[in-house]
C-alpha cells in the first residue's frame, strides 16, 4: 500500500512522517526502514527504525531509486513499513516520472506500507500520482 504526504515546503510533511515512524516502531512486528537523501532525521526517529542515506549509495533518479527499494525488499522479507522522505530531491524534482515509480513500487511492495513525502502543491500532481492520495 502506498500513502503520500503532500504539501509545499514548510507545511509539516516531515514532522508528520516522523510522528508516523515513531508510532509504527512501537506497534509493528516487522522492520521499519526510512530512506532519505541525507541523515537529517538521525536524532528525530526512534532507534528501532533503520535510517538509510541515499547519498551514501549515489542513488539519483527514479530508476535507481526503484532498484534500491527493490533490493532492500528482496534482501529483507521482514520489512513491513518503508518511508521515503523528499522523493523529489532524489529524483531531480521530476513530477512526470513519479506516477510510474509509484505504480512499480505498489506492485513490488504488496505486503509493505510505503509512505512517501512529496514537496509540491497537490494541484500540480499528475493524475497518475493523485490516485495514491
Protein backbone atom coordinates (compact mmCIF):
# COMPACT_ATOMS: atom_id res chain seq x y z
CA UNK A 1 0.00 0.00 0.00
CA UNK A 2 1.30 3.45 -0.92
CA UNK A 3 0.48 6.54 1.09
CA UNK A 4 1.51 10.06 0.12
CA UNK A 5 2.16 13.07 2.34
CA UNK A 6 1.94 16.06 0.01
CA UNK A 7 2.48 19.75 0.60
CA UNK A 8 4.68 22.67 -0.24
CA UNK A 9 7.88 23.37 1.66
CA UNK A 10 7.29 24.21 5.32
CA UNK A 11 3.86 22.59 5.65
CA UNK A 12 4.94 19.93 8.16
CA UNK A 13 5.30 16.87 5.93
CA UNK A 14 8.49 15.63 7.55
CA UNK A 15 7.15 16.28 11.04
CA UNK A 16 4.05 14.23 10.25
CA UNK A 17 6.22 11.44 8.85
CA UNK A 18 8.45 11.45 11.96
CA UNK A 19 5.35 11.03 14.13
CA UNK A 20 4.19 8.14 11.93
CA UNK A 21 7.61 6.46 12.09
CA UNK A 22 7.86 6.75 15.86
CA UNK A 23 4.32 5.45 16.26
CA UNK A 24 4.73 2.47 13.96
CA UNK A 25 8.03 1.37 15.54
CA UNK A 26 6.09 0.74 18.74
CA UNK A 27 3.35 -1.32 17.09
CA UNK A 28 4.81 -3.26 14.15
CA UNK A 29 6.21 -6.74 14.47
CA UNK A 30 8.38 -6.21 11.39
CA UNK A 31 11.18 -3.87 10.36
CA UNK A 32 10.80 -0.16 9.66
CA UNK A 33 13.06 1.43 7.02
CA UNK A 34 13.43 5.16 6.42
CA UNK A 35 15.07 6.29 3.18
CA UNK A 36 16.18 9.89 2.70
CA UNK A 37 18.71 11.97 0.82
CA UNK A 38 20.70 12.94 3.91
CA UNK A 39 20.85 11.99 7.53
CA UNK A 40 18.64 14.83 8.78
CA UNK A 41 16.30 12.50 10.67
CA UNK A 42 19.05 10.78 12.67
CA UNK A 43 18.02 12.24 16.04
CA UNK A 44 14.29 12.57 15.33
CA UNK A 45 13.25 8.99 14.69
CA UNK A 46 13.14 6.02 17.03
CA UNK A 47 16.33 3.95 17.02
CA UNK A 48 14.29 0.89 16.06
CA UNK A 49 13.84 2.31 12.55
CA UNK A 50 16.65 1.73 10.06
CA UNK A 51 17.72 5.04 8.50
CA UNK A 52 19.32 4.81 5.05
CA UNK A 53 21.08 7.74 3.36
CA UNK A 54 20.59 7.65 -0.42
CA UNK A 55 23.60 9.93 -0.96
CA UNK A 56 25.85 7.28 0.57
CA UNK A 57 24.85 4.93 -2.27
CA UNK A 58 24.77 7.61 -5.03
CA UNK A 59 21.09 6.99 -5.74
CA UNK A 60 19.66 9.52 -8.20
CA UNK A 61 16.56 9.27 -10.37
CA UNK A 62 13.51 7.05 -10.31
CA UNK A 63 15.14 4.02 -11.92
CA UNK A 64 17.98 3.91 -9.40
CA UNK A 65 15.60 4.55 -6.50
CA UNK A 66 13.32 1.74 -7.66
CA UNK A 67 16.27 -0.65 -7.91
CA UNK A 68 17.43 0.38 -4.46
CA UNK A 69 13.96 -0.15 -2.93
CA UNK A 70 13.58 -3.47 -4.76
CA UNK A 71 16.94 -4.63 -3.46
CA UNK A 72 16.08 -3.69 0.10
CA UNK A 73 12.76 -5.54 -0.06
CA UNK A 74 14.35 -8.58 -1.72
CA UNK A 75 17.05 -8.73 0.93
CA UNK A 76 14.76 -8.36 3.93
CA UNK A 77 11.34 -10.02 3.92
CA UNK A 78 10.67 -8.64 7.41
CA UNK A 79 10.21 -5.03 6.23
CA UNK A 80 6.62 -4.03 6.98
CA UNK A 81 6.96 -0.25 6.79
CA UNK A 82 9.05 1.88 4.44
CA UNK A 83 9.22 5.66 4.45
CA UNK A 84 10.75 7.72 1.64
CA UNK A 85 11.37 11.34 2.61
CA UNK A 86 11.77 14.02 -0.04
CA UNK A 87 11.49 11.84 -3.14
CA UNK A 88 11.67 14.84 -5.48
CA UNK A 89 15.11 15.78 -4.08
CA UNK A 90 16.43 12.39 -5.09
CA UNK A 91 14.67 12.42 -8.47
CA UNK A 92 15.65 15.90 -9.67
CA UNK A 93 12.20 17.42 -8.95
CA UNK A 94 10.71 15.43 -11.85
CA UNK A 95 6.97 15.04 -11.32
CA UNK A 96 6.43 13.35 -14.70
CA UNK A 97 8.13 10.08 -13.67
CA UNK A 98 6.64 9.90 -10.19
CA UNK A 99 3.45 8.05 -11.18
CA UNK A 100 5.33 5.29 -12.99
CA UNK A 101 7.66 4.90 -10.00
CA UNK A 102 4.75 4.66 -7.55
CA UNK A 103 2.98 2.10 -9.77
CA UNK A 104 6.08 -0.10 -9.89
CA UNK A 105 6.64 0.14 -6.13
CA UNK A 106 2.97 -0.60 -5.50
CA UNK A 107 3.25 -3.87 -7.44
CA UNK A 108 6.50 -4.77 -5.71
CA UNK A 109 5.57 -3.91 -2.12
CA UNK A 110 2.34 -5.86 -1.75
CA UNK A 111 2.79 -6.55 1.96
CA UNK A 112 4.67 -3.37 2.83
CA UNK A 113 3.21 0.00 3.76
CA UNK A 114 5.16 2.62 1.81
CA UNK A 115 4.82 6.28 2.79
CA UNK A 116 6.33 8.96 0.55
CA UNK A 117 6.66 12.70 1.17
CA UNK A 118 6.29 14.94 -1.87
CA UNK A 119 7.23 18.59 -1.64
CA UNK A 120 4.75 20.02 -4.14
CA UNK A 121 1.29 21.51 -4.22
CA UNK A 122 -1.36 18.81 -4.59
CA UNK A 123 -2.87 20.69 -7.54
CA UNK A 124 0.26 20.25 -9.70
CA UNK A 125 0.50 16.48 -9.22
CA UNK A 126 -0.08 14.37 -12.35
CA UNK A 127 -3.26 12.29 -12.46
CA UNK A 128 -1.33 9.01 -12.18
CA UNK A 129 0.02 10.23 -8.81
CA UNK A 130 -3.30 11.54 -7.44
CA UNK A 131 -4.76 8.04 -7.28
CA UNK A 132 -2.44 7.37 -4.30
CA UNK A 133 -3.74 10.32 -2.27
